[in-house]
Amino acid sequence: MTEYTIVIEDAGTNFAAYVIGLDGVITTGKTVDEIIENMREAIPFHLEGMRLSGNQFLQPMPIVKTIQVAP
């Protein structure tokens, strides 16, 4: 199993998400749970497409930090 970091944003009428370190993988859904399920399907599909087209990819190794900034 490989772990991927996804960012889920409130898009107003639904949610949208993308994968940090894996360009081109995005999804939308009505709930966070739906987003997570969509990503579980989208990531392997995307990786297989990359393999079939001969593209190599690195293991995702993002550094994600939360910082505080005064308003």
Protein backbone atom coordinates (compact mmCIF):
# COMPACT_ATOMS: atom_id res chain seq x y z
CA MET A 1 0.00 0.00 0.00
CA THR A 2 1.15 3.51 -0.81
CA GLU A 3 -0.21 6.54 1.01
CA TYR A 4 -1.18 9.65 -0.92
CA THR A 5 -2.08 13.02 0.57
CA ILE A 6 -5.26 14.51 -0.82
CA VAL A 7 -6.61 18.01 -0.35
CA ILE A 8 -10.38 18.32 -0.08
CA GLU A 9 -11.96 21.74 -0.54
CA ASP A 10 -15.51 22.94 -0.11
CA ALA A 11 -16.65 24.03 -3.58
CA GLY A 12 -19.96 25.50 -2.45
CA THR A 13 -22.46 22.97 -3.73
CA ASN A 14 -20.09 20.00 -3.47
CA PHE A 15 -16.49 19.11 -2.60
CA ALA A 16 -13.44 18.99 -4.87
CA ALA A 17 -10.12 17.25 -4.26
CA TYR A 18 -6.69 16.72 -5.74
CA VAL A 19 -3.62 14.65 -4.91
CA ILE A 20 -0.46 16.35 -3.68
CA GLY A 21 2.49 15.17 -5.76
CA LEU A 22 0.42 13.44 -8.42
CA ASP A 23 -0.61 16.02 -11.00
CA GLY A 24 -3.80 15.43 -12.94
CA VAL A 25 -5.77 13.47 -10.38
CA ILE A 26 -8.86 15.42 -9.33
CA THR A 27 -12.38 14.50 -8.35
CA THR A 28 -15.59 15.99 -7.02
CA GLY A 29 -18.32 14.61 -4.82
CA LYS A 30 -21.28 15.52 -2.67
CA THR A 31 -19.61 14.32 0.56
CA VAL A 32 -16.11 13.84 1.92
CA ASP A 33 -16.70 10.08 2.00
CA GLU A 34 -17.62 10.15 -1.69
CA ILE A 35 -14.44 12.10 -2.45
CA ILE A 36 -12.34 9.51 -0.63
CA GLU A 37 -13.96 6.64 -2.53
CA ASN A 38 -13.53 8.49 -5.83
CA MET A 39 -9.83 8.99 -5.07
CA ARG A 40 -9.39 5.31 -4.22
CA GLU A 41 -10.55 4.59 -7.77
CA ALA A 42 -8.92 7.54 -9.56
CA ILE A 43 -5.36 7.15 -8.26
CA PRO A 44 -4.76 3.55 -9.44
CA PHE A 45 -6.47 4.37 -12.76
CA HIS A 46 -4.16 7.36 -13.26
CA LEU A 47 -1.05 5.38 -12.29
CA GLU A 48 -1.95 2.58 -14.72
CA GLY A 49 -2.37 5.13 -17.50
CA MET A 50 1.06 6.52 -16.70
CA ARG A 51 2.56 3.02 -16.79
CA LEU A 52 0.93 2.21 -20.13
CA SER A 53 2.22 5.43 -21.70
CA GLY A 54 5.74 4.80 -20.42
CA ASN A 55 5.79 7.62 -17.89
CA GLN A 56 7.66 7.03 -14.69
CA PHE A 57 6.53 8.46 -11.42
CA LEU A 58 8.22 8.93 -8.09
CA GLN A 59 6.80 7.77 -4.81
CA PRO A 60 4.89 10.69 -3.27
CA MET A 61 7.00 12.33 -0.61
CA PRO A 62 5.34 15.69 0.07
CA ILE A 63 6.05 17.72 3.14
CA VAL A 64 2.80 19.17 4.41
CA LYS A 65 2.89 21.77 7.16
CA THR A 66 0.36 24.07 8.74
CA ILE A 67 1.62 27.50 9.70
CA GLN A 68 0.09 30.34 11.67
CA VAL A 69 0.06 33.86 10.27
CA ALA A 70 -1.27 36.93 12.06
CA PRO A 71 -4.17 38.55 10.18
